[in-house]
């Protein structure tokens, strides 16, 4: 059964904010792997997905991954002071 998690309110990044939460207690050899992930940003910023190269997002552009795309296990907001929200879907 699919589950959903995400930000409970509007958040503000500090430099190199990891958005994907720490693995919940009790999970063995596992980590969050979002098959669907939605990120919204208020200002232009740079992000890194799964430890990859920096990606520039314009203000309000946001970012979405859906089934069939690469699963998100790490999503870092490199830029400070970005107001953002996110939602992740996982099994």
PDB file of N, CA and C in Angstrom:
ATOM      1  N   UNK A   1       0.834  -1.182   0.000  1.00  0.00           N
ATOM      2  CA  UNK A   1       0.000   0.000   0.000  1.00  0.00           C
ATOM      3  C   UNK A   1       0.882   1.249   0.000  1.00  0.00           C
ATOM      4  N   UNK A   2       0.606   2.148  -0.911  1.00  0.00           N
ATOM      5  CA  UNK A   2       1.384   3.384  -1.016  1.00  0.00           C
ATOM      6  C   UNK A   2       1.144   4.279   0.199  1.00  0.00           C
ATOM      7  N   UNK A   3       2.175   5.013   0.561  1.00  0.00           N
ATOM      8  CA  UNK A   3       2.114   5.967   1.673  1.00  0.00           C
ATOM      9  C   UNK A   3       2.602   7.312   1.174  1.00  0.00           C
ATOM     10  N   UNK A   4       2.182   8.355   1.859  1.00  0.00           N
ATOM     11  CA  UNK A   4       2.553   9.723   1.484  1.00  0.00           C
ATOM     12  C   UNK A   4       3.140  10.423   2.701  1.00  0.00           C
ATOM     13  N   UNK A   5       4.192  11.205   2.473  1.00  0.00           N
ATOM     14  CA  UNK A   5       4.770  12.048   3.509  1.00  0.00           C
ATOM     15  C   UNK A   5       5.179  13.364   2.861  1.00  0.00           C
ATOM     16  N   UNK A   6       5.458  14.365   3.667  1.00  0.00           N
ATOM     17  CA  UNK A   6       5.873  15.647   3.109  1.00  0.00           C
ATOM     18  C   UNK A   6       5.978  16.713   4.175  1.00  0.00           C
ATOM     19  N   UNK A   7       6.144  17.940   3.718  1.00  0.00           N
ATOM     20  CA  UNK A   7       6.288  19.063   4.642  1.00  0.00           C
ATOM     21  C   UNK A   7       4.933  19.377   5.278  1.00  0.00           C
ATOM     22  N   UNK A   8       4.960  19.646   6.573  1.00  0.00           N
ATOM     23  CA  UNK A   8       3.745  19.982   7.301  1.00  0.00           C
ATOM     24  C   UNK A   8       3.411  21.459   7.241  1.00  0.00           C
ATOM     25  N   UNK A   9       4.331  22.246   6.691  1.00  0.00           N
ATOM     26  CA  UNK A   9       4.137  23.684   6.569  1.00  0.00           C
ATOM     27  C   UNK A   9       5.162  24.203   5.554  1.00  0.00           C
ATOM     28  N   UNK A  10       5.116  25.494   5.286  1.00  0.00           N
ATOM     29  CA  UNK A  10       6.111  26.108   4.420  1.00  0.00           C
ATOM     30  C   UNK A  10       7.447  26.107   5.161  1.00  0.00           C
ATOM     31  N   UNK A  11       8.487  25.603   4.516  1.00  0.00           N
ATOM     32  CA  UNK A  11       9.811  25.498   5.129  1.00  0.00           C
ATOM     33  C   UNK A  11      10.779  26.469   4.465  1.00  0.00           C
ATOM     34  N   UNK A  12      11.900  26.752   5.129  1.00  0.00           N
ATOM     35  CA  UNK A  12      12.950  27.613   4.583  1.00  0.00           C
ATOM     36  C   UNK A  12      14.269  26.867   4.661  1.00  0.00           C
ATOM     37  N   UNK A  13      14.958  26.779   3.532  1.00  0.00           N
ATOM     38  CA  UNK A  13      16.214  26.036   3.479  1.00  0.00           C
ATOM     39  C   UNK A  13      17.373  26.816   4.082  1.00  0.00           C
ATOM     40  N   UNK A  14      18.341  26.068   4.564  1.00  0.00           N
ATOM     41  CA  UNK A  14      19.672  26.577   4.842  1.00  0.00           C
ATOM     42  C   UNK A  14      20.542  25.961   3.752  1.00  0.00           C
ATOM     43  N   UNK A  15      21.749  26.396   3.572  1.00  0.00           N
ATOM     44  CA  UNK A  15      22.610  25.844   2.525  1.00  0.00           C
ATOM     45  C   UNK A  15      22.734  24.335   2.686  1.00  0.00           C
ATOM     46  N   UNK A  16      22.549  23.607   1.603  1.00  0.00           N
ATOM     47  CA  UNK A  16      22.672  22.150   1.554  1.00  0.00           C
ATOM     48  C   UNK A  16      21.660  21.407   2.419  1.00  0.00           C
ATOM     49  N   UNK A  17      20.422  21.853   2.391  1.00  0.00           N
ATOM     50  CA  UNK A  17      19.332  21.193   3.113  1.00  0.00           C
ATOM     51  C   UNK A  17      18.965  19.888   2.433  1.00  0.00           C
ATOM     52  N   UNK A  18      19.009  18.782   3.168  1.00  0.00           N
ATOM     53  CA  UNK A  18      18.524  17.492   2.672  1.00  0.00           C
ATOM     54  C   UNK A  18      17.027  17.430   2.960  1.00  0.00           C
ATOM     55  N   UNK A  19      16.237  17.265   1.924  1.00  0.00           N
ATOM     56  CA  UNK A  19      14.785  17.253   2.061  1.00  0.00           C
ATOM     57  C   UNK A  19      14.271  15.870   2.451  1.00  0.00           C
ATOM     58  N   UNK A  20      14.869  14.817   1.904  1.00  0.00           N
ATOM     59  CA  UNK A  20      14.403  13.455   2.195  1.00  0.00           C
ATOM     60  C   UNK A  20      14.689  13.154   3.663  1.00  0.00           C
ATOM     61  N   UNK A  21      13.663  12.774   4.422  1.00  0.00           N
ATOM     62  CA  UNK A  21      13.860  12.531   5.852  1.00  0.00           C
ATOM     63  C   UNK A  21      14.779  11.343   6.126  1.00  0.00           C
ATOM     64  N   UNK A  22      15.303  11.314   7.339  1.00  0.00           N
ATOM     65  CA  UNK A  22      16.106  10.172   7.771  1.00  0.00           C
ATOM     66  C   UNK A  22      15.232   8.923   7.754  1.00  0.00           C
ATOM     67  N   UNK A  23      15.859   7.785   7.584  1.00  0.00           N
ATOM     68  CA  UNK A  23      15.144   6.517   7.575  1.00  0.00           C
ATOM     69  C   UNK A  23      14.435   6.317   8.910  1.00  0.00           C
ATOM     70  N   UNK A  24      13.158   5.945   8.884  1.00  0.00           N
ATOM     71  CA  UNK A  24      12.427   5.727  10.138  1.00  0.00           C
ATOM     72  C   UNK A  24      13.055   4.612  10.982  1.00  0.00           C
ATOM     73  N   UNK A  25      12.946   4.747  12.290  1.00  0.00           N
ATOM     74  CA  UNK A  25      13.449   3.721  13.205  1.00  0.00           C
ATOM     75  C   UNK A  25      12.758   2.396  12.896  1.00  0.00           C
ATOM     76  N   UNK A  26      13.511   1.325  12.961  1.00  0.00           N
ATOM     77  CA  UNK A  26      12.935   0.009  12.718  1.00  0.00           C
ATOM     78  C   UNK A  26      13.098  -0.477  11.288  1.00  0.00           C
ATOM     79  N   UNK A  27      13.444   0.423  10.357  1.00  0.00           N
ATOM     80  CA  UNK A  27      13.689  -0.017   8.976  1.00  0.00           C
ATOM     81  C   UNK A  27      15.084  -0.621   8.939  1.00  0.00           C
ATOM     82  N   UNK A  28      15.218  -1.798   8.365  1.00  0.00           N
ATOM     83  CA  UNK A  28      16.502  -2.480   8.307  1.00  0.00           C
ATOM     84  C   UNK A  28      17.025  -2.437   6.875  1.00  0.00           C
ATOM     85  N   UNK A  29      18.249  -1.927   6.705  1.00  0.00           N
ATOM     86  CA  UNK A  29      18.884  -1.861   5.380  1.00  0.00           C
ATOM     87  C   UNK A  29      17.968  -1.230   4.336  1.00  0.00           C
ATOM     88  N   UNK A  30      17.279  -0.212   4.710  1.00  0.00           N
ATOM     89  CA  UNK A  30      16.347   0.440   3.785  1.00  0.00           C
ATOM     90  C   UNK A  30      16.431   1.947   3.966  1.00  0.00           C
ATOM     91  N   UNK A  31      15.877   2.665   3.023  1.00  0.00           N
ATOM     92  CA  UNK A  31      15.823   4.108   3.087  1.00  0.00           C
ATOM     93  C   UNK A  31      14.624   4.558   2.279  1.00  0.00           C
ATOM     94  N   UNK A  32      14.197   5.767   2.524  1.00  0.00           N
ATOM     95  CA  UNK A  32      13.106   6.299   1.722  1.00  0.00           C
ATOM     96  C   UNK A  32      13.503   6.279   0.251  1.00  0.00           C
ATOM     97  N   UNK A  33      12.630   5.779  -0.571  1.00  0.00           N
ATOM     98  CA  UNK A  33      12.813   5.783  -2.014  1.00  0.00           C
ATOM     99  C   UNK A  33      11.476   6.221  -2.601  1.00  0.00           C
ATOM    100  N   UNK A  34      11.382   7.494  -2.981  1.00  0.00           N
ATOM    101  CA  UNK A  34      10.118   8.042  -3.453  1.00  0.00           C
ATOM    102  C   UNK A  34       9.930   7.759  -4.934  1.00  0.00           C
ATOM    103  N   UNK A  35       8.859   7.051  -5.271  1.00  0.00           N
ATOM    104  CA  UNK A  35       8.554   6.792  -6.682  1.00  0.00           C
ATOM    105  C   UNK A  35       7.838   7.989  -7.304  1.00  0.00           C
ATOM    106  N   UNK A  36       7.280   8.837  -6.457  1.00  0.00           N
ATOM    107  CA  UNK A  36       6.704  10.109  -6.913  1.00  0.00           C
ATOM    108  C   UNK A  36       7.161  11.153  -5.904  1.00  0.00           C
ATOM    109  N   UNK A  37       7.616  12.304  -6.413  1.00  0.00           N
ATOM    110  CA  UNK A  37       8.162  13.350  -5.551  1.00  0.00           C
ATOM    111  C   UNK A  37       7.835  14.696  -6.182  1.00  0.00           C
ATOM    112  N   UNK A  38       7.316  15.610  -5.368  1.00  0.00           N
ATOM    113  CA  UNK A  38       6.951  16.942  -5.851  1.00  0.00           C
ATOM    114  C   UNK A  38       7.596  17.978  -4.930  1.00  0.00           C
ATOM    115  N   UNK A  39       8.324  18.927  -5.532  1.00  0.00           N
ATOM    116  CA  UNK A  39       9.007  19.996  -4.795  1.00  0.00           C
ATOM    117  C   UNK A  39       8.574  21.323  -5.394  1.00  0.00           C
ATOM    118  N   UNK A  40       8.240  22.292  -4.546  1.00  0.00           N
ATOM    119  CA  UNK A  40       7.921  23.641  -5.022  1.00  0.00           C
ATOM    120  C   UNK A  40       8.875  24.629  -4.360  1.00  0.00           C
ATOM    121  N   UNK A  41       9.292  25.635  -5.116  1.00  0.00           N
ATOM    122  CA  UNK A  41      10.252  26.627  -4.620  1.00  0.00           C
ATOM    123  C   UNK A  41       9.767  28.041  -4.939  1.00  0.00           C
ATOM    124  N   UNK A  42      10.051  28.989  -4.035  1.00  0.00           N
ATOM    125  CA  UNK A  42       9.593  30.365  -4.249  1.00  0.00           C
ATOM    126  C   UNK A  42      10.607  31.239  -4.989  1.00  0.00           C
ATOM    127  N   UNK A  43      11.897  30.913  -4.860  1.00  0.00           N
ATOM    128  CA  UNK A  43      12.937  31.692  -5.531  1.00  0.00           C
ATOM    129  C   UNK A  43      13.821  30.750  -6.356  1.00  0.00           C
ATOM    130  N   UNK A  44      14.619  31.310  -7.241  1.00  0.00           N
ATOM    131  CA  UNK A  44      15.561  30.512  -8.017  1.00  0.00           C
ATOM    132  C   UNK A  44      16.517  29.798  -7.059  1.00  0.00           C
ATOM    133  N   UNK A  45      16.858  28.559  -7.397  1.00  0.00           N
ATOM    134  CA  UNK A  45      17.741  27.797  -6.524  1.00  0.00           C
ATOM    135  C   UNK A  45      18.463  26.714  -7.310  1.00  0.00           C
ATOM    136  N   UNK A  46      19.426  26.119  -6.647  1.00  0.00           N
ATOM    137  CA  UNK A  46      20.148  24.983  -7.192  1.00  0.00           C
ATOM    138  C   UNK A  46      19.859  23.781  -6.304  1.00  0.00           C
ATOM    139  N   UNK A  47      19.635  22.624  -6.944  1.00  0.00           N
ATOM    140  CA  UNK A  47      19.346  21.393  -6.220  1.00  0.00           C
ATOM    141  C   UNK A  47      20.297  20.296  -6.688  1.00  0.00           C
ATOM    142  N   UNK A  48      20.379  19.218  -5.920  1.00  0.00           N
ATOM    143  CA  UNK A  48      21.099  18.004  -6.316  1.00  0.00           C
ATOM    144  C   UNK A  48      20.188  16.824  -5.987  1.00  0.00           C
ATOM    145  N   UNK A  49      20.030  15.925  -6.944  1.00  0.00           N
ATOM    146  CA  UNK A  49      19.168  14.763  -6.763  1.00  0.00           C
ATOM    147  C   UNK A  49      20.025  13.513  -6.743  1.00  0.00           C
ATOM    148  N   UNK A  50      19.859  12.697  -5.697  1.00  0.00           N
ATOM    149  CA  UNK A  50      20.589  11.437  -5.545  1.00  0.00           C
ATOM    150  C   UNK A  50      22.100  11.617  -5.704  1.00  0.00           C
ATOM    151  N   UNK A  51      22.619  12.749  -5.207  1.00  0.00           N
ATOM    152  CA  UNK A  51      24.051  13.015  -5.244  1.00  0.00           C
ATOM    153  C   UNK A  51      24.588  13.416  -6.606  1.00  0.00           C
ATOM    154  N   UNK A  52      23.704  13.716  -7.544  1.00  0.00           N
ATOM    155  CA  UNK A  52      24.119  14.075  -8.901  1.00  0.00           C
ATOM    156  C   UNK A  52      24.605  15.503  -9.028  1.00  0.00           C
ATOM    157  N   UNK A  53      24.779  15.917 -10.278  1.00  0.00           N
ATOM    158  CA  UNK A  53      25.246  17.265 -10.585  1.00  0.00           C
ATOM    159  C   UNK A  53      24.216  18.316 -10.192  1.00  0.00           C
ATOM    160  N   UNK A  54      24.656  19.543  -9.920  1.00  0.00           N
ATOM    161  CA  UNK A  54      23.730  20.632  -9.593  1.00  0.00           C
ATOM    162  C   UNK A  54      22.760  20.903 -10.747  1.00  0.00           C
ATOM    163  N   UNK A  55      21.528  21.191 -10.378  1.00  0.00           N
ATOM    164  CA  UNK A  55      20.464  21.522 -11.338  1.00  0.00           C
ATOM    165  C   UNK A  55      19.874  22.857 -10.916  1.00  0.00           C
ATOM    166  N   UNK A  56      19.766  23.779 -11.842  1.00  0.00           N
ATOM    167  CA  UNK A  56      19.194  25.100 -11.573  1.00  0.00           C
ATOM    168  C   UNK A  56      17.683  25.050 -11.793  1.00  0.00           C
ATOM    169  N   UNK A  57      16.926  25.608 -10.842  1.00  0.00           N
ATOM    170  CA  UNK A  57      15.482  25.772 -10.986  1.00  0.00           C
ATOM    171  C   UNK A  57      15.149  27.251 -10.894  1.00  0.00           C
ATOM    172  N   UNK A  58      14.381  27.754 -11.834  1.00  0.00           N
ATOM    173  CA  UNK A  58      13.913  29.139 -11.786  1.00  0.00           C
ATOM    174  C   UNK A  58      12.884  29.288 -10.666  1.00  0.00           C
ATOM    175  N   UNK A  59      12.644  30.505 -10.231  1.00  0.00           N
ATOM    176  CA  UNK A  59      11.640  30.772  -9.197  1.00  0.00           C
ATOM    177  C   UNK A  59      10.298  30.190  -9.622  1.00  0.00           C
ATOM    178  N   UNK A  60       9.695  29.390  -8.728  1.00  0.00           N
ATOM    179  CA  UNK A  60       8.388  28.819  -8.997  1.00  0.00           C
ATOM    180  C   UNK A  60       8.374  27.638  -9.954  1.00  0.00           C
ATOM    181  N   UNK A  61       9.525  27.248 -10.492  1.00  0.00           N
ATOM    182  CA  UNK A  61       9.573  26.145 -11.451  1.00  0.00           C
ATOM    183  C   UNK A  61       9.207  24.815 -10.819  1.00  0.00           C
ATOM    184  N   UNK A  62       9.725  24.550  -9.641  1.00  0.00           N
ATOM    185  CA  UNK A  62       9.457  23.290  -8.982  1.00  0.00           C
ATOM    186  C   UNK A  62      10.098  22.111  -9.691  1.00  0.00           C
ATOM    187  N   UNK A  63       9.859  20.928  -9.147  1.00  0.00           N
ATOM    188  CA  UNK A  63      10.435  19.707  -9.692  1.00  0.00           C
ATOM    189  C   UNK A  63       9.521  18.551  -9.339  1.00  0.00           C
ATOM    190  N   UNK A  64       9.286  17.658 -10.307  1.00  0.00           N
ATOM    191  CA  UNK A  64       8.412  16.507 -10.091  1.00  0.00           C
ATOM    192  C   UNK A  64       9.019  15.255 -10.693  1.00  0.00           C
ATOM    193  N   UNK A  65       8.954  14.165  -9.964  1.00  0.00           N
ATOM    194  CA  UNK A  65       9.322  12.834 -10.446  1.00  0.00           C
ATOM    195  C   UNK A  65       8.083  11.971 -10.302  1.00  0.00           C
ATOM    196  N   UNK A  66       7.818  11.154 -11.298  1.00  0.00           N
ATOM    197  CA  UNK A  66       6.642  10.290 -11.281  1.00  0.00           C
ATOM    198  C   UNK A  66       7.072   8.854 -11.529  1.00  0.00           C
ATOM    199  N   UNK A  67       6.137   7.924 -11.399  1.00  0.00           N
ATOM    200  CA  UNK A  67       6.435   6.518 -11.696  1.00  0.00           C
ATOM    201  C   UNK A  67       7.096   6.425 -13.062  1.00  0.00           C
ATOM    202  N   UNK A  68       8.083   5.571 -13.175  1.00  0.00           N
ATOM    203  CA  UNK A  68       8.801   5.427 -14.432  1.00  0.00           C
ATOM    204  C   UNK A  68      10.042   6.301 -14.508  1.00  0.00           C
ATOM    205  N   UNK A  69      10.130   7.332 -13.670  1.00  0.00           N
ATOM    206  CA  UNK A  69      11.318   8.170 -13.586  1.00  0.00           C
ATOM    207  C   UNK A  69      12.255   7.570 -12.538  1.00  0.00           C
ATOM    208  N   UNK A  70      13.412   8.156 -12.385  1.00  0.00           N
ATOM    209  CA  UNK A  70      14.366   7.742 -11.364  1.00  0.00           C
ATOM    210  C   UNK A  70      13.774   7.985  -9.975  1.00  0.00           C
ATOM    211  N   UNK A  71      13.844   6.984  -9.089  1.00  0.00           N
ATOM    212  CA  UNK A  71      13.363   7.160  -7.717  1.00  0.00           C
ATOM    213  C   UNK A  71      14.254   8.165  -6.987  1.00  0.00           C
ATOM    214  N   UNK A  72      13.661   8.954  -6.110  1.00  0.00           N
ATOM    215  CA  UNK A  72      14.405   9.964  -5.342  1.00  0.00           C
ATOM    216  C   UNK A  72      14.740   9.404  -3.967  1.00  0.00           C
ATOM    217  N   UNK A  73      16.042   9.294  -3.670  1.00  0.00           N
ATOM    218  CA  UNK A  73      16.503   8.862  -2.351  1.00  0.00           C
ATOM    219  C   UNK A  73      17.219   9.987  -1.613  1.00  0.00           C
ATOM    220  N   UNK A  74      17.593  11.028  -2.351  1.00  0.00           N
ATOM    221  CA  UNK A  74      18.229  12.210  -1.768  1.00  0.00           C
ATOM    222  C   UNK A  74      17.860  13.418  -2.623  1.00  0.00           C
ATOM    223  N   UNK A  75      17.456  14.498  -1.962  1.00  0.00           N
ATOM    224  CA  UNK A  75      17.110  15.736  -2.655  1.00  0.00           C
ATOM    225  C   UNK A  75      17.659  16.878  -1.819  1.00  0.00           C
ATOM    226  N   UNK A  76      18.734  17.491  -2.286  1.00  0.00           N
ATOM    227  CA  UNK A  76      19.424  18.541  -1.530  1.00  0.00           C
ATOM    228  C   UNK A  76      19.168  19.892  -2.176  1.00  0.00           C
ATOM    229  N   UNK A  77      18.732  20.858  -1.362  1.00  0.00           N
ATOM    230  CA  UNK A  77      18.604  22.245  -1.806  1.00  0.00           C
ATOM    231  C   UNK A  77      19.926  22.922  -1.453  1.00  0.00           C
ATOM    232  N   UNK A  78      20.725  23.227  -2.458  1.00  0.00           N
ATOM    233  CA  UNK A  78      22.046  23.813  -2.250  1.00  0.00           C
ATOM    234  C   UNK A  78      21.912  25.262  -1.769  1.00  0.00           C
ATOM    235  N   UNK A  79      20.934  25.977  -2.269  1.00  0.00           N
ATOM    236  CA  UNK A  79      20.727  27.403  -2.011  1.00  0.00           C
ATOM    237  C   UNK A  79      20.029  27.636  -0.663  1.00  0.00           C
ATOM    238  N   UNK A  80      20.498  28.620   0.089  1.00  0.00           N
ATOM    239  CA  UNK A  80      19.866  28.994   1.353  1.00  0.00           C
ATOM    240  C   UNK A  80      18.673  29.928   1.101  1.00  0.00           C
ATOM    241  N   UNK A  81      17.795  30.012   2.060  1.00  0.00           N
ATOM    242  CA  UNK A  81      16.627  30.913   2.137  1.00  0.00           C
ATOM    243  C   UNK A  81      15.540  30.631   1.099  1.00  0.00           C
ATOM    244  N   UNK A  82      15.493  29.412   0.573  1.00  0.00           N
ATOM    245  CA  UNK A  82      14.416  29.039  -0.345  1.00  0.00           C
ATOM    246  C   UNK A  82      13.218  28.614   0.490  1.00  0.00           C
ATOM    247  N   UNK A  83      12.082  29.222   0.252  1.00  0.00           N
ATOM    248  CA  UNK A  83      10.849  28.777   0.887  1.00  0.00           C
ATOM    249  C   UNK A  83      10.301  27.663   0.003  1.00  0.00           C
ATOM    250  N   UNK A  84       9.989  26.514   0.622  1.00  0.00           N
ATOM    251  CA  UNK A  84       9.623  25.357  -0.183  1.00  0.00           C
ATOM    252  C   UNK A  84       8.638  24.442   0.540  1.00  0.00           C
ATOM    253  N   UNK A  85       8.001  23.585  -0.230  1.00  0.00           N
ATOM    254  CA  UNK A  85       7.209  22.471   0.272  1.00  0.00           C
ATOM    255  C   UNK A  85       7.555  21.250  -0.564  1.00  0.00           C
ATOM    256  N   UNK A  86       7.252  20.083  -0.053  1.00  0.00           N
ATOM    257  CA  UNK A  86       7.511  18.850  -0.793  1.00  0.00           C
ATOM    258  C   UNK A  86       6.521  17.767  -0.375  1.00  0.00           C
ATOM    259  N   UNK A  87       6.315  16.820  -1.278  1.00  0.00           N
ATOM    260  CA  UNK A  87       5.482  15.655  -1.017  1.00  0.00           C
ATOM    261  C   UNK A  87       6.185  14.449  -1.640  1.00  0.00           C
ATOM    262  N   UNK A  88       6.264  13.345  -0.905  1.00  0.00           N
ATOM    263  CA  UNK A  88       6.873  12.130  -1.421  1.00  0.00           C
ATOM    264  C   UNK A  88       5.941  10.943  -1.251  1.00  0.00           C
ATOM    265  N   UNK A  89       5.891  10.103  -2.257  1.00  0.00           N
ATOM    266  CA  UNK A  89       5.064   8.903  -2.261  1.00  0.00           C
ATOM    267  C   UNK A  89       5.978   7.683  -2.277  1.00  0.00           C
ATOM    268  N   UNK A  90       5.717   6.714  -1.388  1.00  0.00           N
ATOM    269  CA  UNK A  90       6.574   5.535  -1.292  1.00  0.00           C
ATOM    270  C   UNK A  90       5.747   4.315  -0.902  1.00  0.00           C
ATOM    271  N   UNK A  91       6.356   3.139  -1.000  1.00  0.00           N
ATOM    272  CA  UNK A  91       5.694   1.884  -0.583  1.00  0.00           C
ATOM    273  C   UNK A  91       6.272   1.400   0.717  1.00  0.00           C
TER     274      UNK A  91
END
